[in-house]
Amino acid sequence: MRTKRRRRKRSRGRSCLPLMILFIIVVGLPALLVRSCSVPFFSPREIPLVGLWDVEQKELRFMTLEEYVQGVVAAEMPASFDVEALKVQAVAARTYALRRILRDERIPEHPEAHLSSDYQSGQAWISWDTFLERNGGSLGGRLQRKIKNAVKQTEGIVAIYDDEPILAVYHSTSGGRTENSEHYWSEALPYLRSVDDPYGVSSPSHYSTATIQLSNLAHVLEVDNVKNFKVVERYPSGRVKTVEVGEKWFSGREIRQRLSLRSTWFTAEILGNEMVFSVWGYGHGVGMSQYGAQGMATAGYGYAEILQYYYQGVELKEAY
């Protein structure tokens, strides 16, 4: 009798073994895979937090980088633009902001903030409340959804050169050719090279004129006589490098700033008691042209192609 009982116990143990193996396979193995898996949806993506100084409200705001990018696109580019152009603007804005965050660059007047809503500090930003007030009604809602969609479709994507977010500067209109970075600022950056830009000719600022009284011009430039105003040297892009007026010399950038010209690509002609400036483009001319991006988008180019055209040699990568 004892022998039979032992055999029964042994057989019972054997019959449990397949069940235990099945349990390990069904329950234990998936748990192990979940622990070791690196797929993003198993661990939430960490989107950087932005400290923004809101110039209009005079207050410090905190938001995610993606929320910030929405406000930049809404402020910097017409929402009527093609969605691919809006994507270009989103990536440029995100790249510019992330570079400042990673380098811990601050707004001098408000060191608690990396960014400001004032375009003169880098790039413009507006709240959705302001945006909807300006656009109003159902139109504002449609444009808001369009911008959010463009930002969402590029979420986390930035332009990289040498494993670092680039200085993603941009301007309204190039006038036909963009400019090398060192010809407007001091640093030569390999991805901010001058390129032909025939895509922005539809911009209202492709060509413009500005007129100033000769007496006012002399006052602004602090010279006695402006009748010998002469462009001495130009960069290969056509933009003015040096101007001579009397015994004074000015950079093209200084002339632009003093006279509030739209760009440094200009000619000057005296007509009667006035100086008439013919001006091509709007902005510093370096990096991405916003109207050029729109022209390329309507011609069928995707946002990645447009970015890599204006920012030479960059890669597009997901930062988060």
C-alpha atoms as a PDB file:
ATOM      1  CA  MET A   1       0.000   0.000   0.000  1.00  0.00           C
ATOM      2  CA  ARG A   2       2.782   2.430   0.821  1.00  0.00           C
ATOM      3  CA  THR A   3       4.497   1.724  -2.472  1.00  0.00           C
ATOM      4  CA  LYS A   4       1.376   2.541  -4.411  1.00  0.00           C
ATOM      5  CA  ARG A   5       0.932   5.807  -2.519  1.00  0.00           C
ATOM      6  CA  ARG A   6       4.474   6.898  -3.337  1.00  0.00           C
ATOM      7  CA  ARG A   7       3.899   6.215  -6.991  1.00  0.00           C
ATOM      8  CA  ARG A   8       0.761   8.264  -6.945  1.00  0.00           C
ATOM      9  CA  LYS A   9       2.632  11.188  -5.398  1.00  0.00           C
ATOM     10  CA  ARG A  10       5.354  10.976  -7.991  1.00  0.00           C
ATOM     11  CA  SER A  11       2.890  10.864 -10.871  1.00  0.00           C
ATOM     12  CA  ARG A  12       1.035  13.830  -9.401  1.00  0.00           C
ATOM     13  CA  GLY A  13       4.317  15.801  -9.326  1.00  0.00           C
ATOM     14  CA  ARG A  14       5.026  14.933 -12.933  1.00  0.00           C
ATOM     15  CA  SER A  15       1.574  16.058 -14.017  1.00  0.00           C
ATOM     16  CA  CYS A  16       2.136  19.525 -12.416  1.00  0.00           C
ATOM     17  CA  LEU A  17       5.411  20.162 -14.235  1.00  0.00           C
ATOM     18  CA  PRO A  18       3.883  20.992 -17.669  1.00  0.00           C
ATOM     19  CA  LEU A  19       1.468  23.394 -15.981  1.00  0.00           C
ATOM     20  CA  MET A  20       4.323  25.209 -14.243  1.00  0.00           C
ATOM     21  CA  ILE A  21       6.246  25.535 -17.512  1.00  0.00           C
ATOM     22  CA  LEU A  22       3.134  26.865 -19.236  1.00  0.00           C
ATOM     23  CA  PHE A  23       2.607  29.393 -16.429  1.00  0.00           C
ATOM     24  CA  ILE A  24       6.192  30.677 -16.804  1.00  0.00           C
ATOM     25  CA  ILE A  25       5.779  31.041 -20.553  1.00  0.00           C
ATOM     26  CA  VAL A  26       2.394  32.776 -20.407  1.00  0.00           C
ATOM     27  CA  VAL A  27       3.005  35.071 -17.403  1.00  0.00           C
ATOM     28  CA  GLY A  28       6.711  35.317 -16.678  1.00  0.00           C
ATOM     29  CA  LEU A  29       8.143  35.816 -20.159  1.00  0.00           C
ATOM     30  CA  PRO A  30       5.953  38.833 -21.120  1.00  0.00           C
ATOM     31  CA  ALA A  31       6.745  40.457 -17.774  1.00  0.00           C
ATOM     32  CA  LEU A  32      10.438  39.995 -18.444  1.00  0.00           C
ATOM     33  CA  LEU A  33      10.088  41.452 -21.932  1.00  0.00           C
ATOM     34  CA  VAL A  34       8.204  44.501 -20.623  1.00  0.00           C
ATOM     35  CA  ARG A  35      10.969  45.218 -18.095  1.00  0.00           C
ATOM     36  CA  SER A  36      13.738  44.993 -20.675  1.00  0.00           C
ATOM     37  CA  CYS A  37      11.870  46.664 -23.555  1.00  0.00           C
ATOM     38  CA  SER A  38      13.099  50.117 -24.620  1.00  0.00           C
ATOM     39  CA  VAL A  39      10.149  50.996 -26.883  1.00  0.00           C
ATOM     40  CA  PRO A  40       9.063  54.600 -26.060  1.00  0.00           C
ATOM     41  CA  PHE A  41       5.472  53.798 -25.063  1.00  0.00           C
ATOM     42  CA  PHE A  42       6.704  51.767 -22.073  1.00  0.00           C
ATOM     43  CA  SER A  43       8.376  54.854 -20.609  1.00  0.00           C
ATOM     44  CA  PRO A  44       6.846  58.349 -21.098  1.00  0.00           C
ATOM     45  CA  ARG A  45       8.783  60.704 -23.394  1.00  0.00           C
ATOM     46  CA  GLU A  46      10.259  63.606 -21.451  1.00  0.00           C
ATOM     47  CA  ILE A  47       9.521  66.872 -23.258  1.00  0.00           C
ATOM     48  CA  PRO A  48      11.706  69.751 -22.002  1.00  0.00           C
ATOM     49  CA  LEU A  49      10.092  72.512 -19.982  1.00  0.00           C
ATOM     50  CA  VAL A  50      10.465  76.084 -21.250  1.00  0.00           C
ATOM     51  CA  GLY A  51      10.770  79.211 -19.126  1.00  0.00           C
ATOM     52  CA  LEU A  52       9.353  82.036 -21.265  1.00  0.00           C
ATOM     53  CA  TRP A  53       9.237  85.731 -20.472  1.00  0.00           C
ATOM     54  CA  ASP A  54       5.907  87.011 -21.828  1.00  0.00           C
ATOM     55  CA  VAL A  55       6.600  90.624 -22.814  1.00  0.00           C
ATOM     56  CA  GLU A  56       2.941  91.483 -23.381  1.00  0.00           C
ATOM     57  CA  GLN A  57       1.744  90.199 -19.984  1.00  0.00           C
ATOM     58  CA  LYS A  58       5.052  91.005 -18.230  1.00  0.00           C
ATOM     59  CA  GLU A  59       5.172  87.628 -16.540  1.00  0.00           C
ATOM     60  CA  LEU A  60       7.173  84.412 -16.510  1.00  0.00           C
ATOM     61  CA  ARG A  61       5.400  81.441 -18.079  1.00  0.00           C
ATOM     62  CA  PHE A  62       6.310  77.756 -17.932  1.00  0.00           C
ATOM     63  CA  MET A  63       5.183  75.316 -20.619  1.00  0.00           C
ATOM     64  CA  THR A  64       6.413  72.299 -22.551  1.00  0.00           C
ATOM     65  CA  LEU A  65       8.656  72.889 -25.528  1.00  0.00           C
ATOM     66  CA  GLU A  66       5.893  71.627 -27.852  1.00  0.00           C
ATOM     67  CA  GLU A  67       3.398  74.143 -26.426  1.00  0.00           C
ATOM     68  CA  TYR A  68       6.009  76.870 -26.882  1.00  0.00           C
ATOM     69  CA  VAL A  69       6.618  75.863 -30.519  1.00  0.00           C
ATOM     70  CA  GLN A  70       2.890  76.184 -31.264  1.00  0.00           C
ATOM     71  CA  GLY A  71       2.985  79.800 -30.074  1.00  0.00           C
ATOM     72  CA  VAL A  72       6.090  80.561 -32.148  1.00  0.00           C
ATOM     73  CA  VAL A  73       4.594  79.158 -35.352  1.00  0.00           C
ATOM     74  CA  ALA A  74       1.407  81.143 -34.678  1.00  0.00           C
ATOM     75  CA  ALA A  75       3.431  84.357 -34.251  1.00  0.00           C
ATOM     76  CA  GLU A  76       6.192  83.931 -36.821  1.00  0.00           C
ATOM     77  CA  MET A  77       4.508  82.518 -39.944  1.00  0.00           C
ATOM     78  CA  PRO A  78       1.149  83.232 -41.616  1.00  0.00           C
ATOM     79  CA  ALA A  79      -1.156  80.339 -40.732  1.00  0.00           C
ATOM     80  CA  SER A  80      -2.461  80.479 -44.300  1.00  0.00           C
ATOM     81  CA  PHE A  81       0.856  79.001 -45.483  1.00  0.00           C
ATOM     82  CA  ASP A  82       1.096  75.421 -46.711  1.00  0.00           C
ATOM     83  CA  VAL A  83       1.282  72.853 -43.904  1.00  0.00           C
ATOM     84  CA  GLU A  84       4.776  71.776 -45.055  1.00  0.00           C
ATOM     85  CA  ALA A  85       6.006  75.355 -44.591  1.00  0.00           C
ATOM     86  CA  LEU A  86       4.436  75.395 -41.118  1.00  0.00           C
ATOM     87  CA  LYS A  87       6.318  72.173 -40.322  1.00  0.00           C
ATOM     88  CA  VAL A  88       9.558  73.841 -41.428  1.00  0.00           C
ATOM     89  CA  GLN A  89       8.846  76.722 -39.059  1.00  0.00           C
ATOM     90  CA  ALA A  90       8.022  74.297 -36.231  1.00  0.00           C
ATOM     91  CA  VAL A  91      11.324  72.421 -36.571  1.00  0.00           C
ATOM     92  CA  ALA A  92      13.328  75.656 -36.835  1.00  0.00           C
ATOM     93  CA  ALA A  93      11.602  77.123 -33.756  1.00  0.00           C
ATOM     94  CA  ARG A  94      12.053  73.916 -31.742  1.00  0.00           C
ATOM     95  CA  THR A  95      15.722  73.640 -32.736  1.00  0.00           C
ATOM     96  CA  TYR A  96      16.440  77.260 -31.844  1.00  0.00           C
ATOM     97  CA  ALA A  97      14.775  76.897 -28.439  1.00  0.00           C
ATOM     98  CA  LEU A  98      16.331  73.530 -27.567  1.00  0.00           C
ATOM     99  CA  ARG A  99      19.807  74.866 -28.367  1.00  0.00           C
ATOM    100  CA  ARG A 100      19.289  77.709 -25.881  1.00  0.00           C
ATOM    101  CA  ILE A 101      17.995  75.317 -23.230  1.00  0.00           C
ATOM    102  CA  LEU A 102      20.875  72.860 -23.638  1.00  0.00           C
ATOM    103  CA  ARG A 103      23.417  75.697 -23.556  1.00  0.00           C
ATOM    104  CA  ASP A 104      21.597  77.332 -20.640  1.00  0.00           C
ATOM    105  CA  GLU A 105      21.415  80.647 -22.505  1.00  0.00           C
ATOM    106  CA  ARG A 106      19.220  83.164 -20.668  1.00  0.00           C
ATOM    107  CA  ILE A 107      17.383  86.397 -21.359  1.00  0.00           C
ATOM    108  CA  PRO A 108      19.673  89.067 -19.809  1.00  0.00           C
ATOM    109  CA  GLU A 109      16.825  91.143 -18.347  1.00  0.00           C
ATOM    110  CA  HIS A 110      15.067  88.014 -17.029  1.00  0.00           C
ATOM    111  CA  PRO A 111      17.709  85.354 -16.277  1.00  0.00           C
ATOM    112  CA  GLU A 112      15.043  82.969 -14.991  1.00  0.00           C
ATOM    113  CA  ALA A 113      13.872  82.560 -18.627  1.00  0.00           C
ATOM    114  CA  HIS A 114      15.633  80.921 -21.576  1.00  0.00           C
ATOM    115  CA  LEU A 115      13.341  82.597 -24.090  1.00  0.00           C
ATOM    116  CA  SER A 116      11.279  85.726 -24.597  1.00  0.00           C
ATOM    117  CA  SER A 117       8.131  86.420 -26.621  1.00  0.00           C
ATOM    118  CA  ASP A 118       9.901  89.461 -28.112  1.00  0.00           C
ATOM    119  CA  TYR A 119      11.198  88.666 -31.617  1.00  0.00           C
ATOM    120  CA  GLN A 120      14.154  90.991 -31.017  1.00  0.00           C
ATOM    121  CA  SER A 121      15.404  88.510 -28.410  1.00  0.00           C
ATOM    122  CA  GLY A 122      15.246  85.623 -30.857  1.00  0.00           C
ATOM    123  CA  GLN A 123      11.798  84.598 -32.040  1.00  0.00           C
ATOM    124  CA  ALA A 124       8.264  85.840 -31.496  1.00  0.00           C
ATOM    125  CA  TRP A 125       5.597  83.968 -29.505  1.00  0.00           C
ATOM    126  CA  ILE A 126       1.902  84.618 -28.842  1.00  0.00           C
ATOM    127  CA  SER A 127      -0.668  82.896 -26.665  1.00  0.00           C
ATOM    128  CA  TRP A 128      -3.668  81.155 -28.183  1.00  0.00           C
ATOM    129  CA  ASP A 129      -5.927  83.749 -26.558  1.00  0.00           C
ATOM    130  CA  THR A 130      -4.153  86.514 -28.472  1.00  0.00           C
ATOM    131  CA  PHE A 131      -4.101  84.475 -31.668  1.00  0.00           C
ATOM    132  CA  LEU A 132      -7.837  83.791 -31.538  1.00  0.00           C
ATOM    133  CA  GLU A 133      -8.573  87.445 -30.750  1.00  0.00           C
ATOM    134  CA  ARG A 134      -6.661  88.483 -33.862  1.00  0.00           C
ATOM    135  CA  ASN A 135      -8.242  85.891 -36.152  1.00  0.00           C
ATOM    136  CA  GLY A 136     -11.636  85.509 -34.519  1.00  0.00           C
ATOM    137  CA  GLY A 137     -14.548  83.158 -35.032  1.00  0.00           C
ATOM    138  CA  SER A 138     -14.422  79.817 -36.774  1.00  0.00           C
ATOM    139  CA  LEU A 139     -11.450  80.937 -38.904  1.00  0.00           C
ATOM    140  CA  GLY A 140      -9.248  81.273 -35.838  1.00  0.00           C
ATOM    141  CA  GLY A 141     -10.223  77.797 -34.681  1.00  0.00           C
ATOM    142  CA  ARG A 142      -9.407  76.253 -38.078  1.00  0.00           C
ATOM    143  CA  LEU A 143      -6.039  77.982 -38.235  1.00  0.00           C
ATOM    144  CA  GLN A 144      -5.257  76.940 -34.668  1.00  0.00           C
ATOM    145  CA  ARG A 145      -5.951  73.282 -35.515  1.00  0.00           C
ATOM    146  CA  LYS A 146      -3.795  73.592 -38.630  1.00  0.00           C
ATOM    147  CA  ILE A 147      -0.831  74.920 -36.637  1.00  0.00           C
ATOM    148  CA  LYS A 148      -1.225  72.320 -33.885  1.00  0.00           C
ATOM    149  CA  ASN A 149      -1.346  69.586 -36.514  1.00  0.00           C
ATOM    150  CA  ALA A 150       1.871  70.819 -38.174  1.00  0.00           C
ATOM    151  CA  VAL A 151       3.657  70.940 -34.798  1.00  0.00           C
ATOM    152  CA  LYS A 152       2.340  67.499 -33.816  1.00  0.00           C
ATOM    153  CA  GLN A 153       3.544  65.927 -37.071  1.00  0.00           C
ATOM    154  CA  THR A 154       7.108  67.090 -36.331  1.00  0.00           C
ATOM    155  CA  GLU A 155       7.028  66.488 -32.561  1.00  0.00           C
ATOM    156  CA  GLY A 156      10.528  66.238 -31.070  1.00  0.00           C
ATOM    157  CA  ILE A 157      12.313  66.677 -34.419  1.00  0.00           C
ATOM    158  CA  VAL A 158      15.259  69.094 -34.530  1.00  0.00           C
ATOM    159  CA  ALA A 159      18.003  69.987 -37.009  1.00  0.00           C
ATOM    160  CA  ILE A 160      21.416  68.670 -35.931  1.00  0.00           C
ATOM    161  CA  TYR A 161      24.976  69.407 -37.045  1.00  0.00           C
ATOM    162  CA  ASP A 162      27.932  67.714 -35.308  1.00  0.00           C
ATOM    163  CA  ASP A 163      25.561  66.177 -32.735  1.00  0.00           C
ATOM    164  CA  GLU A 164      24.267  69.580 -31.609  1.00  0.00           C
ATOM    165  CA  PRO A 165      21.084  71.528 -32.403  1.00  0.00           C
ATOM    166  CA  ILE A 166      21.942  74.193 -34.957  1.00  0.00           C
ATOM    167  CA  LEU A 167      21.511  77.936 -34.616  1.00  0.00           C
ATOM    168  CA  ALA A 168      18.271  77.791 -36.639  1.00  0.00           C
ATOM    169  CA  VAL A 169      17.933  81.446 -37.629  1.00  0.00           C
ATOM    170  CA  TYR A 170      15.407  82.497 -40.245  1.00  0.00           C
ATOM    171  CA  HIS A 171      13.986  85.596 -41.905  1.00  0.00           C
ATOM    172  CA  SER A 172      10.963  86.681 -43.902  1.00  0.00           C
ATOM    173  CA  THR A 173      12.282  87.053 -47.446  1.00  0.00           C
ATOM    174  CA  SER A 174      15.757  86.646 -48.956  1.00  0.00           C
ATOM    175  CA  GLY A 175      15.202  88.711 -52.107  1.00  0.00           C
ATOM    176  CA  GLY A 176      16.675  85.966 -54.298  1.00  0.00           C
ATOM    177  CA  ARG A 177      19.650  84.637 -52.368  1.00  0.00           C
ATOM    178  CA  THR A 178      20.366  83.925 -48.706  1.00  0.00           C
ATOM    179  CA  GLU A 179      23.516  85.126 -46.913  1.00  0.00           C
ATOM    180  CA  ASN A 180      26.502  83.549 -45.143  1.00  0.00           C
ATOM    181  CA  SER A 181      26.269  83.930 -41.373  1.00  0.00           C
ATOM    182  CA  GLU A 182      29.603  85.753 -41.038  1.00  0.00           C
ATOM    183  CA  HIS A 183      28.465  88.455 -43.470  1.00  0.00           C
ATOM    184  CA  TYR A 184      25.778  89.621 -41.043  1.00  0.00           C
ATOM    185  CA  TRP A 185      27.171  88.403 -37.717  1.00  0.00           C
ATOM    186  CA  SER A 186      30.758  87.503 -36.882  1.00  0.00           C
ATOM    187  CA  GLU A 187      30.725  83.686 -36.795  1.00  0.00           C
ATOM    188  CA  ALA A 188      30.988  81.500 -39.904  1.00  0.00           C
ATOM    189  CA  LEU A 189      28.756  78.470 -39.370  1.00  0.00           C
ATOM    190  CA  PRO A 190      29.051  75.629 -41.919  1.00  0.00           C
ATOM    191  CA  TYR A 191      25.310  75.060 -42.198  1.00  0.00           C
ATOM    192  CA  LEU A 192      24.459  78.762 -42.665  1.00  0.00           C
ATOM    193  CA  ARG A 193      25.753  79.154 -46.206  1.00  0.00           C
ATOM    194  CA  SER A 194      24.428  81.385 -48.964  1.00  0.00           C
ATOM    195  CA  VAL A 195      22.094  79.574 -51.412  1.00  0.00           C
ATOM    196  CA  ASP A 196      20.064  80.674 -54.420  1.00  0.00           C
ATOM    197  CA  ASP A 197      16.487  81.322 -53.386  1.00  0.00           C
ATOM    198  CA  PRO A 198      14.096  81.805 -56.305  1.00  0.00           C
ATOM    199  CA  TYR A 199      11.168  80.453 -54.263  1.00  0.00           C
ATOM    200  CA  GLY A 200      10.190  83.621 -52.389  1.00  0.00           C
ATOM    201  CA  VAL A 201       9.376  85.908 -55.314  1.00  0.00           C
ATOM    202  CA  SER A 202       5.696  85.967 -54.327  1.00  0.00           C
ATOM    203  CA  SER A 203       6.572  87.698 -51.045  1.00  0.00           C
ATOM    204  CA  PRO A 204       5.203  91.250 -50.750  1.00  0.00           C
ATOM    205  CA  SER A 205       8.676  92.163 -49.441  1.00  0.00           C
ATOM    206  CA  HIS A 206      10.656  90.653 -52.332  1.00  0.00           C
ATOM    207  CA  TYR A 207      11.278  94.191 -53.570  1.00  0.00           C
ATOM    208  CA  SER A 208      10.441  97.515 -51.929  1.00  0.00           C
ATOM    209  CA  THR A 209      11.542 101.142 -51.874  1.00  0.00           C
ATOM    210  CA  ALA A 210      12.223 103.593 -49.057  1.00  0.00           C
ATOM    211  CA  THR A 211      12.638 107.360 -49.316  1.00  0.00           C
ATOM    212  CA  ILE A 212      14.318 109.786 -46.912  1.00  0.00           C
ATOM    213  CA  GLN A 213      14.988 113.516 -47.084  1.00  0.00           C
ATOM    214  CA  LEU A 214      18.678 114.292 -47.595  1.00  0.00           C
ATOM    215  CA  SER A 215      18.697 116.562 -44.556  1.00  0.00           C
ATOM    216  CA  ASN A 216      17.211 113.785 -42.404  1.00  0.00           C
ATOM    217  CA  LEU A 217      19.689 111.286 -43.814  1.00  0.00           C
ATOM    218  CA  ALA A 218      22.591 113.567 -42.890  1.00  0.00           C
ATOM    219  CA  HIS A 219      21.192 113.929 -39.372  1.00  0.00           C
ATOM    220  CA  VAL A 220      20.734 110.170 -38.896  1.00  0.00           C
ATOM    221  CA  LEU A 221      24.220 109.365 -40.213  1.00  0.00           C
ATOM    222  CA  GLU A 222      25.759 112.318 -38.362  1.00  0.00           C
ATOM    223  CA  VAL A 223      27.507 113.756 -41.410  1.00  0.00           C
ATOM    224  CA  ASP A 224      27.474 117.181 -43.077  1.00  0.00           C
ATOM    225  CA  ASN A 225      26.887 116.053 -46.646  1.00  0.00           C
ATOM    226  CA  VAL A 226      25.244 112.871 -48.007  1.00  0.00           C
ATOM    227  CA  LYS A 227      25.427 113.656 -51.711  1.00  0.00           C
ATOM    228  CA  ASN A 228      28.546 111.513 -52.016  1.00  0.00           C
ATOM    229  CA  PHE A 229      26.754 108.476 -50.499  1.00  0.00           C
ATOM    230  CA  LYS A 230      28.514 105.519 -52.119  1.00  0.00           C
ATOM    231  CA  VAL A 231      28.287 101.734 -51.821  1.00  0.00           C
ATOM    232  CA  VAL A 232      31.966 100.746 -51.787  1.00  0.00           C
ATOM    233  CA  GLU A 233      31.762  96.962 -51.517  1.00  0.00           C
ATOM    234  CA  ARG A 234      29.179  94.171 -51.703  1.00  0.00           C
ATOM    235  CA  TYR A 235      29.140  90.544 -50.660  1.00  0.00           C
ATOM    236  CA  PRO A 236      28.728  87.892 -53.384  1.00  0.00           C
ATOM    237  CA  SER A 237      25.026  87.680 -52.481  1.00  0.00           C
ATOM    238  CA  GLY A 238      24.572  91.319 -53.552  1.00  0.00           C
ATOM    239  CA  ARG A 239      24.110  92.635 -50.024  1.00  0.00           C
ATOM    240  CA  VAL A 240      26.023  95.737 -49.021  1.00  0.00           C
ATOM    241  CA  LYS A 241      29.249  95.264 -47.090  1.00  0.00           C
ATOM    242  CA  THR A 242      30.556  98.837 -46.857  1.00  0.00           C
ATOM    243  CA  VAL A 243      29.210 102.334 -47.497  1.00  0.00           C
ATOM    244  CA  GLU A 244      31.190 105.574 -47.643  1.00  0.00           C
ATOM    245  CA  VAL A 245      29.517 108.885 -46.790  1.00  0.00           C
ATOM    246  CA  GLY A 246      31.822 111.911 -46.623  1.00  0.00           C
ATOM    247  CA  GLU A 247      34.746 110.809 -44.520  1.00  0.00           C
ATOM    248  CA  LYS A 248      32.749 108.186 -42.663  1.00  0.00           C
ATOM    249  CA  TRP A 249      32.458 104.465 -43.329  1.00  0.00           C
ATOM    250  CA  PHE A 250      29.472 102.307 -42.404  1.00  0.00           C
ATOM    251  CA  SER A 251      28.688  98.622 -42.661  1.00  0.00           C
ATOM    252  CA  GLY A 252      25.635  97.649 -44.660  1.00  0.00           C
ATOM    253  CA  ARG A 253      24.083  96.335 -41.451  1.00  0.00           C
ATOM    254  CA  GLU A 254      24.594  99.687 -39.713  1.00  0.00           C
ATOM    255  CA  ILE A 255      22.975 101.560 -42.610  1.00  0.00           C
ATOM    256  CA  ARG A 256      20.037  99.184 -42.505  1.00  0.00           C
ATOM    257  CA  GLN A 257      19.569  99.631 -38.760  1.00  0.00           C
ATOM    258  CA  ARG A 258      19.956 103.402 -38.745  1.00  0.00           C
ATOM    259  CA  LEU A 259      17.534 103.904 -41.645  1.00  0.00           C
ATOM    260  CA  SER A 260      15.159 101.026 -40.781  1.00  0.00           C
ATOM    261  CA  LEU A 261      15.611  99.468 -44.220  1.00  0.00           C
ATOM    262  CA  ARG A 262      14.146  96.024 -44.755  1.00  0.00           C
ATOM    263  CA  SER A 263      17.507  94.433 -45.577  1.00  0.00           C
ATOM    264  CA  THR A 264      21.155  95.141 -46.397  1.00  0.00           C
ATOM    265  CA  TRP A 265      20.554  94.362 -50.069  1.00  0.00           C
ATOM    266  CA  PHE A 266      19.929  97.834 -51.463  1.00  0.00           C
ATOM    267  CA  THR A 267      20.898 100.490 -53.963  1.00  0.00           C
ATOM    268  CA  ALA A 268      20.642 104.253 -53.379  1.00  0.00           C
ATOM    269  CA  GLU A 269      19.847 107.110 -55.755  1.00  0.00           C
ATOM    270  CA  ILE A 270      19.390 110.846 -55.181  1.00  0.00           C
ATOM    271  CA  LEU A 271      16.216 112.258 -56.681  1.00  0.00           C
ATOM    272  CA  GLY A 272      15.869 115.981 -55.983  1.00  0.00           C
ATOM    273  CA  ASN A 273      16.229 116.512 -52.233  1.00  0.00           C
ATOM    274  CA  GLU A 274      15.565 112.856 -51.388  1.00  0.00           C
ATOM    275  CA  MET A 275      17.530 109.618 -51.289  1.00  0.00           C
ATOM    276  CA  VAL A 276      15.570 106.685 -52.726  1.00  0.00           C
ATOM    277  CA  PHE A 277      16.584 103.189 -51.633  1.00  0.00           C
ATOM    278  CA  SER A 278      15.638 100.150 -53.668  1.00  0.00           C
ATOM    279  CA  VAL A 279      15.609  97.143 -51.338  1.00  0.00           C
ATOM    280  CA  TRP A 280      15.498  93.385 -51.956  1.00  0.00           C
ATOM    281  CA  GLY A 281      14.231  91.036 -49.268  1.00  0.00           C
ATOM    282  CA  TYR A 282      13.231  91.500 -45.655  1.00  0.00           C
ATOM    283  CA  GLY A 283      15.430  90.523 -42.709  1.00  0.00           C
ATOM    284  CA  HIS A 284      19.050  89.555 -42.185  1.00  0.00           C
ATOM    285  CA  GLY A 285      18.917  87.007 -45.014  1.00  0.00           C
ATOM    286  CA  VAL A 286      20.657  84.208 -43.101  1.00  0.00           C
ATOM    287  CA  GLY A 287      19.236  80.675 -42.879  1.00  0.00           C
ATOM    288  CA  MET A 288      15.673  79.770 -43.772  1.00  0.00           C
ATOM    289  CA  SER A 289      13.548  82.168 -45.801  1.00  0.00           C
ATOM    290  CA  GLN A 290       9.939  81.884 -44.634  1.00  0.00           C
ATOM    291  CA  TYR A 291       8.441  82.942 -47.963  1.00  0.00           C
ATOM    292  CA  GLY A 292      11.018  80.755 -49.681  1.00  0.00           C
ATOM    293  CA  ALA A 293       9.838  77.812 -47.565  1.00  0.00           C
ATOM    294  CA  GLN A 294       6.266  78.577 -48.634  1.00  0.00           C
ATOM    295  CA  GLY A 295       7.317  78.698 -52.285  1.00  0.00           C
ATOM    296  CA  MET A 296       9.114  75.363 -52.008  1.00  0.00           C
ATOM    297  CA  ALA A 297       6.143  73.798 -50.195  1.00  0.00           C
ATOM    298  CA  THR A 298       3.679  74.854 -52.900  1.00  0.00           C
ATOM    299  CA  ALA A 299       6.130  73.479 -55.488  1.00  0.00           C
ATOM    300  CA  GLY A 300       5.817  70.054 -53.837  1.00  0.00           C
ATOM    301  CA  TYR A 301       8.856  69.878 -51.551  1.00  0.00           C
ATOM    302  CA  GLY A 302       8.488  68.247 -48.132  1.00  0.00           C
ATOM    303  CA  TYR A 303       9.512  69.949 -44.906  1.00  0.00           C
ATOM    304  CA  ALA A 304      12.698  67.870 -44.539  1.00  0.00           C
ATOM    305  CA  GLU A 305      13.869  68.803 -48.053  1.00  0.00           C
ATOM    306  CA  ILE A 306      13.193  72.471 -47.388  1.00  0.00           C
ATOM    307  CA  LEU A 307      15.087  72.483 -44.095  1.00  0.00           C
ATOM    308  CA  GLN A 308      18.085  70.717 -45.608  1.00  0.00           C
ATOM    309  CA  TYR A 309      18.130  73.197 -48.476  1.00  0.00           C
ATOM    310  CA  TYR A 310      18.343  76.296 -46.308  1.00  0.00           C
ATOM    311  CA  TYR A 311      20.459  74.665 -43.570  1.00  0.00           C
ATOM    312  CA  GLN A 312      23.271  72.959 -45.445  1.00  0.00           C
ATOM    313  CA  GLY A 313      24.481  69.533 -44.291  1.00  0.00           C
ATOM    314  CA  VAL A 314      22.122  69.139 -41.312  1.00  0.00           C
ATOM    315  CA  GLU A 315      20.392  65.967 -40.135  1.00  0.00           C
ATOM    316  CA  LEU A 316      16.877  65.798 -38.748  1.00  0.00           C
ATOM    317  CA  LYS A 317      16.637  63.735 -35.569  1.00  0.00           C
ATOM    318  CA  GLU A 318      14.165  63.123 -32.763  1.00  0.00           C
ATOM    319  CA  ALA A 319      15.462  64.845 -29.641  1.00  0.00           C
ATOM    320  CA  TYR A 320      12.775  63.209 -27.466  1.00  0.00           C
END
